[in-house]
Amino acid sequence: MPAFGLTVLASGAVLLYCAVRDISIGDFFRGIVSGQSPAPGSGAATAPTGPSGPTGTPGGKPPAGPVGSAGKPTGLATIPGTNQQVQSRWLSIVGTITRTFGVTVSSGYRTAAHNAEVGGAPNSDHLTGNAVDFVGSPTALRRLYQWAIKAGFPYVEPWSQTGGSHVHISFARG
């Protein structure tokens, strides 16, 4: 187990854990972003990993949100500062990612029609509000991508497929 990291619980709450004493939250996140190995008192962190994945549930795969009568998933919430929506349980981790890595959200929940317009996969996790695309500087995107792979999210779109234009993270599949 890493000395410290973060886990997103199925409820959307972010759990920060630290086995190193006297570490500031700023040093904690700087360590996650840099991917440096921690040493007692060093202030450096590793990317969060663990057998339960980033959602805090076995395999990191909580169930997709229920679908409302209009076919739109229930439980969607607007990501602050955007016009994008995501399952409410992911708001906290999305906010943490945007602040930590200096990226913005370019796509969250998509209707089936919009997903087809943008060339999304027919079974895209955007359709359930369980995926987000992030954009930013090339350096920020590379750091986010490397961290997301280490963190063990259920799906991170391969860099070779995005061409480095964005980072796609699925917080849950299905």
N, C-alpha and C. Protein backbone atom coordinates (compact mmCIF):
# COMPACT_ATOMS: atom_id res chain seq x y z
N MET A 1 0.85 -1.18 0.00
CA MET A 1 0.00 0.00 0.00
C MET A 1 0.89 1.23 0.00
N PRO A 2 0.55 2.24 -0.84
CA PRO A 2 1.37 3.44 -0.85
C PRO A 2 1.26 4.17 0.48
N ALA A 3 2.23 5.01 0.75
CA ALA A 3 2.22 5.76 2.00
C ALA A 3 1.05 6.73 2.06
N PHE A 4 0.64 7.26 0.91
CA PHE A 4 -0.57 8.04 0.89
C PHE A 4 -1.12 8.16 -0.51
N GLY A 5 -2.40 8.52 -0.59
CA GLY A 5 -3.09 8.60 -1.86
C GLY A 5 -4.52 9.04 -1.63
N LEU A 6 -5.36 8.85 -2.62
CA LEU A 6 -6.75 9.18 -2.45
C LEU A 6 -7.61 8.09 -3.05
N THR A 7 -8.78 7.94 -2.49
CA THR A 7 -9.75 6.96 -2.95
C THR A 7 -11.09 7.66 -3.05
N VAL A 8 -11.81 7.42 -4.12
CA VAL A 8 -13.17 7.95 -4.25
C VAL A 8 -14.12 6.83 -3.88
N LEU A 9 -14.92 7.09 -2.88
CA LEU A 9 -15.90 6.10 -2.44
C LEU A 9 -17.10 6.11 -3.37
N ALA A 10 -17.88 5.05 -3.34
CA ALA A 10 -19.05 4.93 -4.20
C ALA A 10 -20.00 6.12 -4.02
N SER A 11 -20.00 6.71 -2.84
CA SER A 11 -20.86 7.87 -2.57
C SER A 11 -20.35 9.13 -3.25
N GLY A 12 -19.10 9.09 -3.75
CA GLY A 12 -18.49 10.26 -4.35
C GLY A 12 -17.57 11.00 -3.41
N ALA A 13 -17.59 10.63 -2.13
CA ALA A 13 -16.70 11.28 -1.17
C ALA A 13 -15.25 10.90 -1.48
N VAL A 14 -14.35 11.83 -1.28
CA VAL A 14 -12.93 11.58 -1.51
C VAL A 14 -12.28 11.30 -0.16
N LEU A 15 -11.62 10.16 -0.07
CA LEU A 15 -10.92 9.77 1.13
C LEU A 15 -9.43 9.95 0.88
N LEU A 16 -8.80 10.81 1.65
CA LEU A 16 -7.35 11.00 1.57
C LEU A 16 -6.74 10.17 2.69
N TYR A 17 -5.70 9.41 2.36
CA TYR A 17 -5.05 8.63 3.39
C TYR A 17 -3.55 8.88 3.33
N CYS A 18 -2.95 8.92 4.51
CA CYS A 18 -1.54 9.26 4.59
C CYS A 18 -0.91 8.49 5.75
N ALA A 19 0.18 7.77 5.44
CA ALA A 19 0.93 7.05 6.46
C ALA A 19 2.20 7.82 6.83
N VAL A 20 2.38 8.99 6.25
CA VAL A 20 3.53 9.82 6.55
C VAL A 20 3.05 10.95 7.44
N ARG A 21 3.72 11.16 8.55
CA ARG A 21 3.31 12.21 9.48
C ARG A 21 3.77 13.58 9.02
N ASP A 22 3.08 14.58 9.49
CA ASP A 22 3.45 15.97 9.25
C ASP A 22 3.57 16.31 7.78
N ILE A 23 2.54 15.97 7.01
CA ILE A 23 2.53 16.28 5.59
C ILE A 23 1.38 17.26 5.32
N SER A 24 1.64 18.27 4.54
CA SER A 24 0.59 19.23 4.23
C SER A 24 -0.24 18.70 3.06
N ILE A 25 -1.45 19.19 2.93
CA ILE A 25 -2.30 18.76 1.82
C ILE A 25 -1.69 19.21 0.50
N GLY A 26 -1.04 20.38 0.49
CA GLY A 26 -0.37 20.84 -0.73
C GLY A 26 0.75 19.90 -1.14
N ASP A 27 1.57 19.47 -0.18
CA ASP A 27 2.64 18.52 -0.49
C ASP A 27 2.06 17.18 -0.93
N PHE A 28 0.95 16.80 -0.32
CA PHE A 28 0.28 15.56 -0.70
C PHE A 28 -0.07 15.57 -2.18
N PHE A 29 -0.77 16.62 -2.64
CA PHE A 29 -1.17 16.68 -4.05
C PHE A 29 0.00 16.92 -4.98
N ARG A 30 0.97 17.71 -4.56
CA ARG A 30 2.16 17.88 -5.41
C ARG A 30 2.84 16.53 -5.62
N GLY A 31 2.88 15.70 -4.60
CA GLY A 31 3.47 14.37 -4.72
C GLY A 31 2.69 13.48 -5.66
N ILE A 32 1.35 13.54 -5.59
CA ILE A 32 0.52 12.74 -6.49
C ILE A 32 0.79 13.16 -7.93
N VAL A 33 0.82 14.46 -8.17
CA VAL A 33 1.03 14.96 -9.53
C VAL A 33 2.41 14.58 -10.04
N SER A 34 3.44 14.68 -9.18
CA SER A 34 4.81 14.40 -9.63
C SER A 34 5.08 12.91 -9.72
N GLY A 35 4.32 12.10 -8.96
CA GLY A 35 4.53 10.65 -8.97
C GLY A 35 5.76 10.22 -8.19
N GLN A 36 6.29 11.10 -7.33
CA GLN A 36 7.48 10.76 -6.56
C GLN A 36 7.13 9.80 -5.43
N SER A 37 8.07 8.93 -5.11
CA SER A 37 7.88 7.98 -4.02
C SER A 37 8.03 8.70 -2.68
N PRO A 38 7.17 8.38 -1.72
CA PRO A 38 7.26 9.05 -0.44
C PRO A 38 8.34 8.46 0.45
N ALA A 39 8.85 9.29 1.30
CA ALA A 39 9.73 8.87 2.38
C ALA A 39 9.27 9.62 3.60
N PRO A 40 9.34 9.02 4.78
CA PRO A 40 8.87 9.74 5.97
C PRO A 40 9.47 11.13 6.03
N GLY A 41 8.56 12.12 6.13
CA GLY A 41 8.99 13.50 6.23
C GLY A 41 9.37 14.14 4.91
N SER A 42 9.29 13.41 3.79
CA SER A 42 9.73 13.96 2.51
C SER A 42 8.69 14.85 1.86
N GLY A 43 7.41 14.60 2.13
CA GLY A 43 6.36 15.38 1.50
C GLY A 43 6.04 14.94 0.09
N ALA A 44 6.60 13.83 -0.37
CA ALA A 44 6.32 13.35 -1.73
C ALA A 44 5.35 12.18 -1.67
N ALA A 45 4.50 12.09 -2.66
CA ALA A 45 3.49 11.03 -2.69
C ALA A 45 3.56 10.24 -3.97
N THR A 46 2.99 9.04 -3.91
CA THR A 46 2.84 8.24 -5.12
C THR A 46 1.41 8.37 -5.60
N ALA A 47 1.19 8.03 -6.84
CA ALA A 47 -0.18 8.01 -7.35
C ALA A 47 -0.95 6.96 -6.57
N PRO A 48 -2.21 7.21 -6.25
CA PRO A 48 -2.97 6.26 -5.46
C PRO A 48 -3.20 4.96 -6.22
N THR A 49 -3.01 3.88 -5.52
CA THR A 49 -3.29 2.58 -6.09
C THR A 49 -3.91 1.72 -5.00
N GLY A 50 -4.38 0.57 -5.38
CA GLY A 50 -4.92 -0.33 -4.37
C GLY A 50 -5.83 -1.34 -4.99
N PRO A 51 -6.08 -2.43 -4.27
CA PRO A 51 -6.88 -3.50 -4.82
C PRO A 51 -8.32 -3.10 -5.07
N SER A 52 -8.80 -2.07 -4.39
CA SER A 52 -10.20 -1.71 -4.59
C SER A 52 -10.38 -0.68 -5.68
N GLY A 53 -9.32 -0.21 -6.30
CA GLY A 53 -9.45 0.77 -7.36
C GLY A 53 -9.82 2.13 -6.81
N PRO A 54 -9.96 3.13 -7.68
CA PRO A 54 -10.18 4.48 -7.22
C PRO A 54 -11.55 4.77 -6.67
N THR A 55 -12.50 3.89 -6.84
CA THR A 55 -13.84 4.16 -6.35
C THR A 55 -14.09 3.61 -4.97
N GLY A 56 -13.15 2.83 -4.45
CA GLY A 56 -13.33 2.27 -3.13
C GLY A 56 -14.27 1.08 -3.11
N THR A 57 -14.63 0.54 -4.24
CA THR A 57 -15.48 -0.64 -4.30
C THR A 57 -14.69 -1.77 -4.94
N PRO A 58 -15.04 -3.00 -4.69
CA PRO A 58 -14.28 -4.11 -5.28
C PRO A 58 -14.16 -3.96 -6.79
N GLY A 59 -12.94 -3.97 -7.27
CA GLY A 59 -12.69 -3.82 -8.69
C GLY A 59 -12.92 -2.42 -9.21
N GLY A 60 -13.26 -1.47 -8.32
CA GLY A 60 -13.48 -0.10 -8.74
C GLY A 60 -14.68 0.07 -9.64
N LYS A 61 -15.69 -0.81 -9.52
CA LYS A 61 -16.81 -0.78 -10.46
C LYS A 61 -18.16 -0.71 -9.75
N PRO A 62 -18.54 0.48 -9.27
CA PRO A 62 -19.88 0.59 -8.72
C PRO A 62 -20.90 0.51 -9.83
N PRO A 63 -22.12 0.18 -9.49
CA PRO A 63 -23.13 0.08 -10.54
C PRO A 63 -23.39 1.43 -11.20
N ALA A 64 -23.76 1.41 -12.47
CA ALA A 64 -24.12 2.64 -13.17
C ALA A 64 -25.38 3.20 -12.52
N GLY A 65 -25.58 4.49 -12.69
CA GLY A 65 -26.76 5.11 -12.10
C GLY A 65 -28.03 4.61 -12.75
N PRO A 66 -29.14 4.69 -12.02
CA PRO A 66 -30.42 4.26 -12.58
C PRO A 66 -30.85 5.19 -13.71
N VAL A 67 -31.73 4.68 -14.58
CA VAL A 67 -32.20 5.44 -15.73
C VAL A 67 -33.60 5.95 -15.42
N GLY A 68 -33.83 7.24 -15.70
CA GLY A 68 -35.13 7.84 -15.48
C GLY A 68 -36.10 7.49 -16.58
N SER A 69 -37.32 7.97 -16.46
CA SER A 69 -38.38 7.64 -17.40
C SER A 69 -38.10 8.18 -18.81
N ALA A 70 -37.33 9.25 -18.93
CA ALA A 70 -37.03 9.82 -20.24
C ALA A 70 -35.80 9.17 -20.87
N GLY A 71 -35.25 8.14 -20.23
CA GLY A 71 -34.07 7.47 -20.76
C GLY A 71 -32.77 8.11 -20.32
N LYS A 72 -32.84 9.27 -19.66
CA LYS A 72 -31.66 9.95 -19.16
C LYS A 72 -31.33 9.38 -17.77
N PRO A 73 -30.06 9.10 -17.51
CA PRO A 73 -29.71 8.56 -16.19
C PRO A 73 -30.13 9.51 -15.07
N THR A 74 -30.56 8.95 -13.97
CA THR A 74 -30.84 9.77 -12.80
C THR A 74 -29.54 9.95 -12.03
N GLY A 75 -29.51 10.93 -11.16
CA GLY A 75 -28.33 11.16 -10.33
C GLY A 75 -27.29 12.06 -10.97
N LEU A 76 -27.62 12.66 -12.12
CA LEU A 76 -26.66 13.56 -12.77
C LEU A 76 -26.63 14.90 -12.06
N ALA A 77 -25.44 15.49 -12.02
CA ALA A 77 -25.26 16.81 -11.43
C ALA A 77 -24.32 17.60 -12.33
N THR A 78 -24.50 18.91 -12.33
CA THR A 78 -23.65 19.77 -13.15
C THR A 78 -22.30 19.97 -12.47
N ILE A 79 -21.24 19.80 -13.25
CA ILE A 79 -19.88 20.00 -12.75
C ILE A 79 -19.69 21.50 -12.59
N PRO A 80 -19.34 21.98 -11.38
CA PRO A 80 -19.19 23.42 -11.15
C PRO A 80 -18.26 24.08 -12.17
N GLY A 81 -18.70 25.24 -12.66
CA GLY A 81 -17.90 26.01 -13.60
C GLY A 81 -17.99 25.52 -15.04
N THR A 82 -18.89 24.55 -15.30
CA THR A 82 -19.05 24.02 -16.66
C THR A 82 -20.53 23.88 -16.97
N ASN A 83 -20.83 23.49 -18.20
CA ASN A 83 -22.20 23.13 -18.55
C ASN A 83 -22.30 21.61 -18.72
N GLN A 84 -21.33 20.89 -18.19
CA GLN A 84 -21.26 19.43 -18.31
C GLN A 84 -21.85 18.77 -17.06
N GLN A 85 -22.38 17.57 -17.25
CA GLN A 85 -22.94 16.80 -16.14
C GLN A 85 -22.20 15.48 -15.99
N VAL A 86 -22.27 14.95 -14.77
CA VAL A 86 -21.67 13.67 -14.43
C VAL A 86 -22.51 13.10 -13.29
N GLN A 87 -22.41 11.81 -13.05
CA GLN A 87 -23.08 11.25 -11.88
C GLN A 87 -22.59 12.01 -10.64
N SER A 88 -23.50 12.37 -9.77
CA SER A 88 -23.16 13.21 -8.62
C SER A 88 -22.06 12.60 -7.76
N ARG A 89 -21.96 11.28 -7.72
CA ARG A 89 -20.93 10.65 -6.87
C ARG A 89 -19.53 10.92 -7.38
N TRP A 90 -19.38 11.43 -8.62
CA TRP A 90 -18.04 11.71 -9.17
C TRP A 90 -17.66 13.19 -9.10
N LEU A 91 -18.56 14.05 -8.64
CA LEU A 91 -18.26 15.48 -8.60
C LEU A 91 -17.00 15.80 -7.81
N SER A 92 -16.83 15.16 -6.69
CA SER A 92 -15.68 15.45 -5.84
C SER A 92 -14.36 15.09 -6.51
N ILE A 93 -14.26 13.91 -7.10
CA ILE A 93 -13.01 13.51 -7.74
C ILE A 93 -12.76 14.35 -9.00
N VAL A 94 -13.81 14.70 -9.74
CA VAL A 94 -13.62 15.55 -10.92
C VAL A 94 -13.06 16.91 -10.50
N GLY A 95 -13.62 17.47 -9.43
CA GLY A 95 -13.10 18.74 -8.92
C GLY A 95 -11.66 18.63 -8.46
N THR A 96 -11.34 17.55 -7.79
CA THR A 96 -9.96 17.32 -7.33
C THR A 96 -9.01 17.22 -8.51
N ILE A 97 -9.42 16.50 -9.54
CA ILE A 97 -8.57 16.34 -10.72
C ILE A 97 -8.34 17.68 -11.41
N THR A 98 -9.41 18.44 -11.62
CA THR A 98 -9.24 19.71 -12.34
C THR A 98 -8.34 20.66 -11.57
N ARG A 99 -8.50 20.73 -10.26
CA ARG A 99 -7.65 21.63 -9.45
C ARG A 99 -6.21 21.13 -9.38
N THR A 100 -6.03 19.83 -9.18
CA THR A 100 -4.70 19.28 -8.99
C THR A 100 -3.86 19.34 -10.26
N PHE A 101 -4.47 19.04 -11.39
CA PHE A 101 -3.71 18.94 -12.64
C PHE A 101 -3.84 20.17 -13.53
N GLY A 102 -4.69 21.12 -13.17
CA GLY A 102 -4.85 22.32 -13.98
C GLY A 102 -5.49 22.05 -15.33
N VAL A 103 -6.46 21.14 -15.35
CA VAL A 103 -7.17 20.78 -16.58
C VAL A 103 -8.62 21.21 -16.45
N THR A 104 -9.35 21.17 -17.56
CA THR A 104 -10.78 21.48 -17.55
C THR A 104 -11.55 20.32 -18.15
N VAL A 105 -12.83 20.31 -17.87
CA VAL A 105 -13.72 19.26 -18.38
C VAL A 105 -14.25 19.69 -19.74
N SER A 106 -14.08 18.83 -20.74
CA SER A 106 -14.62 19.14 -22.07
C SER A 106 -15.87 18.32 -22.38
N SER A 107 -16.06 17.20 -21.70
CA SER A 107 -17.23 16.37 -21.97
C SER A 107 -17.53 15.50 -20.76
N GLY A 108 -18.80 15.45 -20.40
CA GLY A 108 -19.27 14.58 -19.34
C GLY A 108 -20.38 13.70 -19.91
N TYR A 109 -21.57 13.77 -19.28
CA TYR A 109 -22.72 13.00 -19.78
C TYR A 109 -23.04 13.43 -21.21
N ARG A 110 -23.37 12.45 -22.05
CA ARG A 110 -23.80 12.71 -23.42
C ARG A 110 -25.11 11.96 -23.71
N THR A 111 -25.98 12.60 -24.46
CA THR A 111 -27.14 11.88 -24.97
C THR A 111 -26.64 10.94 -26.06
N ALA A 112 -27.45 9.96 -26.42
CA ALA A 112 -27.06 9.02 -27.48
C ALA A 112 -26.84 9.77 -28.80
N ALA A 113 -27.68 10.76 -29.08
CA ALA A 113 -27.55 11.52 -30.33
C ALA A 113 -26.23 12.31 -30.35
N HIS A 114 -25.92 12.99 -29.24
CA HIS A 114 -24.68 13.76 -29.19
C HIS A 114 -23.46 12.83 -29.23
N ASN A 115 -23.56 11.71 -28.56
CA ASN A 115 -22.45 10.74 -28.57
C ASN A 115 -22.16 10.27 -30.00
N ALA A 116 -23.21 10.01 -30.77
CA ALA A 116 -23.03 9.60 -32.16
C ALA A 116 -22.43 10.73 -32.99
N GLU A 117 -22.87 11.97 -32.73
CA GLU A 117 -22.35 13.14 -33.46
C GLU A 117 -20.84 13.30 -33.28
N VAL A 118 -20.35 13.03 -32.08
CA VAL A 118 -18.92 13.24 -31.79
C VAL A 118 -18.10 11.98 -32.04
N GLY A 119 -18.74 10.93 -32.54
CA GLY A 119 -18.01 9.69 -32.84
C GLY A 119 -17.70 8.85 -31.62
N GLY A 120 -18.51 8.99 -30.57
CA GLY A 120 -18.31 8.20 -29.36
C GLY A 120 -18.67 6.74 -29.57
N ALA A 121 -18.09 5.88 -28.74
CA ALA A 121 -18.38 4.45 -28.81
C ALA A 121 -19.86 4.21 -28.47
N PRO A 122 -20.49 3.25 -29.11
CA PRO A 122 -21.91 2.98 -28.85
C PRO A 122 -22.21 2.64 -27.38
N ASN A 123 -21.25 2.08 -26.68
CA ASN A 123 -21.44 1.72 -25.27
C ASN A 123 -20.63 2.66 -24.36
N SER A 124 -20.40 3.88 -24.79
CA SER A 124 -19.59 4.85 -24.05
C SER A 124 -20.10 5.06 -22.63
N ASP A 125 -19.18 5.18 -21.70
CA ASP A 125 -19.54 5.48 -20.31
C ASP A 125 -20.05 6.91 -20.17
N HIS A 126 -19.87 7.75 -21.20
CA HIS A 126 -20.46 9.09 -21.20
C HIS A 126 -21.99 9.00 -21.19
N LEU A 127 -22.54 7.94 -21.77
CA LEU A 127 -23.99 7.78 -21.86
C LEU A 127 -24.65 7.58 -20.50
N THR A 128 -23.89 7.14 -19.52
CA THR A 128 -24.43 6.94 -18.17
C THR A 128 -23.96 8.02 -17.20
N GLY A 129 -23.13 8.95 -17.68
CA GLY A 129 -22.60 10.00 -16.81
C GLY A 129 -21.45 9.53 -15.95
N ASN A 130 -20.82 8.42 -16.34
CA ASN A 130 -19.73 7.85 -15.56
C ASN A 130 -18.36 8.08 -16.17
N ALA A 131 -18.27 8.98 -17.16
CA ALA A 131 -16.98 9.27 -17.80
C ALA A 131 -16.85 10.77 -18.02
N VAL A 132 -15.60 11.22 -18.01
CA VAL A 132 -15.29 12.63 -18.25
C VAL A 132 -14.07 12.71 -19.13
N ASP A 133 -14.09 13.65 -20.08
CA ASP A 133 -12.92 13.98 -20.88
C ASP A 133 -12.34 15.28 -20.32
N PHE A 134 -11.03 15.30 -20.13
CA PHE A 134 -10.33 16.48 -19.62
C PHE A 134 -9.42 17.03 -20.71
N VAL A 135 -9.30 18.35 -20.80
CA VAL A 135 -8.38 19.01 -21.72
C VAL A 135 -7.49 19.96 -20.94
N GLY A 136 -6.35 20.26 -21.53
CA GLY A 136 -5.40 21.18 -20.89
C GLY A 136 -4.11 21.22 -21.68
N SER A 137 -3.08 21.73 -21.06
CA SER A 137 -1.79 21.81 -21.73
C SER A 137 -1.25 20.39 -21.95
N PRO A 138 -0.37 20.22 -22.93
CA PRO A 138 0.21 18.90 -23.16
C PRO A 138 0.88 18.31 -21.92
N THR A 139 1.56 19.15 -21.15
CA THR A 139 2.23 18.66 -19.94
C THR A 139 1.21 18.22 -18.90
N ALA A 140 0.16 19.03 -18.70
CA ALA A 140 -0.87 18.68 -17.71
C ALA A 140 -1.58 17.39 -18.11
N LEU A 141 -1.89 17.25 -19.41
CA LEU A 141 -2.58 16.04 -19.86
C LEU A 141 -1.71 14.80 -19.69
N ARG A 142 -0.43 14.91 -19.99
CA ARG A 142 0.48 13.76 -19.84
C ARG A 142 0.56 13.35 -18.37
N ARG A 143 0.66 14.33 -17.48
CA ARG A 143 0.73 14.01 -16.04
C ARG A 143 -0.56 13.38 -15.55
N LEU A 144 -1.69 13.93 -15.99
CA LEU A 144 -2.98 13.36 -15.60
C LEU A 144 -3.11 11.94 -16.13
N TYR A 145 -2.76 11.72 -17.38
CA TYR A 145 -2.86 10.38 -17.98
C TYR A 145 -2.01 9.38 -17.19
N GLN A 146 -0.77 9.74 -16.91
CA GLN A 146 0.12 8.82 -16.18
C GLN A 146 -0.44 8.52 -14.79
N TRP A 147 -0.97 9.53 -14.12
CA TRP A 147 -1.56 9.32 -12.80
C TRP A 147 -2.80 8.44 -12.89
N ALA A 148 -3.67 8.71 -13.88
CA ALA A 148 -4.92 7.95 -14.01
C ALA A 148 -4.65 6.48 -14.27
N ILE A 149 -3.63 6.18 -15.07
CA ILE A 149 -3.27 4.78 -15.32
C ILE A 149 -2.82 4.12 -14.02
N LYS A 150 -1.97 4.79 -13.26
CA LYS A 150 -1.47 4.24 -11.99
C LYS A 150 -2.60 4.09 -10.97
N ALA A 151 -3.56 5.01 -11.02
CA ALA A 151 -4.64 5.01 -10.04
C ALA A 151 -5.59 3.84 -10.21
N GLY A 152 -5.62 3.24 -11.41
CA GLY A 152 -6.44 2.05 -11.61
C GLY A 152 -7.90 2.30 -11.88
N PHE A 153 -8.24 3.42 -12.51
CA PHE A 153 -9.63 3.65 -12.87
C PHE A 153 -10.12 2.52 -13.78
N PRO A 154 -11.42 2.25 -13.80
CA PRO A 154 -11.93 1.15 -14.62
C PRO A 154 -11.53 1.26 -16.10
N TYR A 155 -11.43 2.48 -16.64
CA TYR A 155 -10.99 2.63 -18.03
C TYR A 155 -10.38 4.01 -18.22
N VAL A 156 -9.20 4.05 -18.80
CA VAL A 156 -8.56 5.28 -19.23
C VAL A 156 -8.23 5.06 -20.70
N GLU A 157 -8.79 5.91 -21.56
CA GLU A 157 -8.58 5.72 -23.00
C GLU A 157 -7.09 5.82 -23.32
N PRO A 158 -6.56 4.86 -24.07
CA PRO A 158 -5.12 4.88 -24.39
C PRO A 158 -4.69 6.19 -25.06
N TRP A 159 -3.53 6.66 -24.67
CA TRP A 159 -2.95 7.89 -25.20
C TRP A 159 -2.89 7.84 -26.73
N SER A 160 -2.57 6.68 -27.27
CA SER A 160 -2.44 6.53 -28.72
C SER A 160 -3.78 6.75 -29.44
N GLN A 161 -4.90 6.51 -28.76
CA GLN A 161 -6.21 6.72 -29.37
C GLN A 161 -6.64 8.18 -29.33
N THR A 162 -6.21 8.90 -28.30
CA THR A 162 -6.62 10.31 -28.17
C THR A 162 -5.64 11.24 -28.88
N GLY A 163 -4.46 10.75 -29.19
CA GLY A 163 -3.44 11.60 -29.80
C GLY A 163 -2.97 12.69 -28.85
N GLY A 164 -3.24 12.51 -27.57
CA GLY A 164 -2.84 13.51 -26.58
C GLY A 164 -3.73 14.74 -26.56
N SER A 165 -4.88 14.67 -27.25
CA SER A 165 -5.78 15.84 -27.30
C SER A 165 -6.62 15.99 -26.03
N HIS A 166 -6.83 14.89 -25.33
CA HIS A 166 -7.62 14.90 -24.10
C HIS A 166 -7.31 13.62 -23.32
N VAL A 167 -7.76 13.60 -22.07
CA VAL A 167 -7.68 12.39 -21.26
C VAL A 167 -9.10 11.99 -20.91
N HIS A 168 -9.46 10.77 -21.28
CA HIS A 168 -10.78 10.21 -20.97
C HIS A 168 -10.63 9.28 -19.78
N ILE A 169 -11.42 9.52 -18.73
CA ILE A 169 -11.44 8.65 -17.56
C ILE A 169 -12.86 8.17 -17.33
N SER A 170 -13.03 6.85 -17.27
CA SER A 170 -14.31 6.27 -16.87
C SER A 170 -14.20 5.92 -15.40
N PHE A 171 -15.10 6.48 -14.61
CA PHE A 171 -15.10 6.23 -13.16
C PHE A 171 -15.84 4.94 -12.84
N ALA A 172 -16.70 4.51 -13.74
CA ALA A 172 -17.42 3.23 -13.61
C ALA A 172 -17.76 2.78 -15.02
N ARG A 173 -17.89 1.47 -15.18
CA ARG A 173 -18.25 0.92 -16.50
C ARG A 173 -19.71 0.50 -16.49
N GLY A 174 -20.33 0.65 -17.63
CA GLY A 174 -21.69 0.15 -17.79
C GLY A 174 -22.76 1.16 -17.67
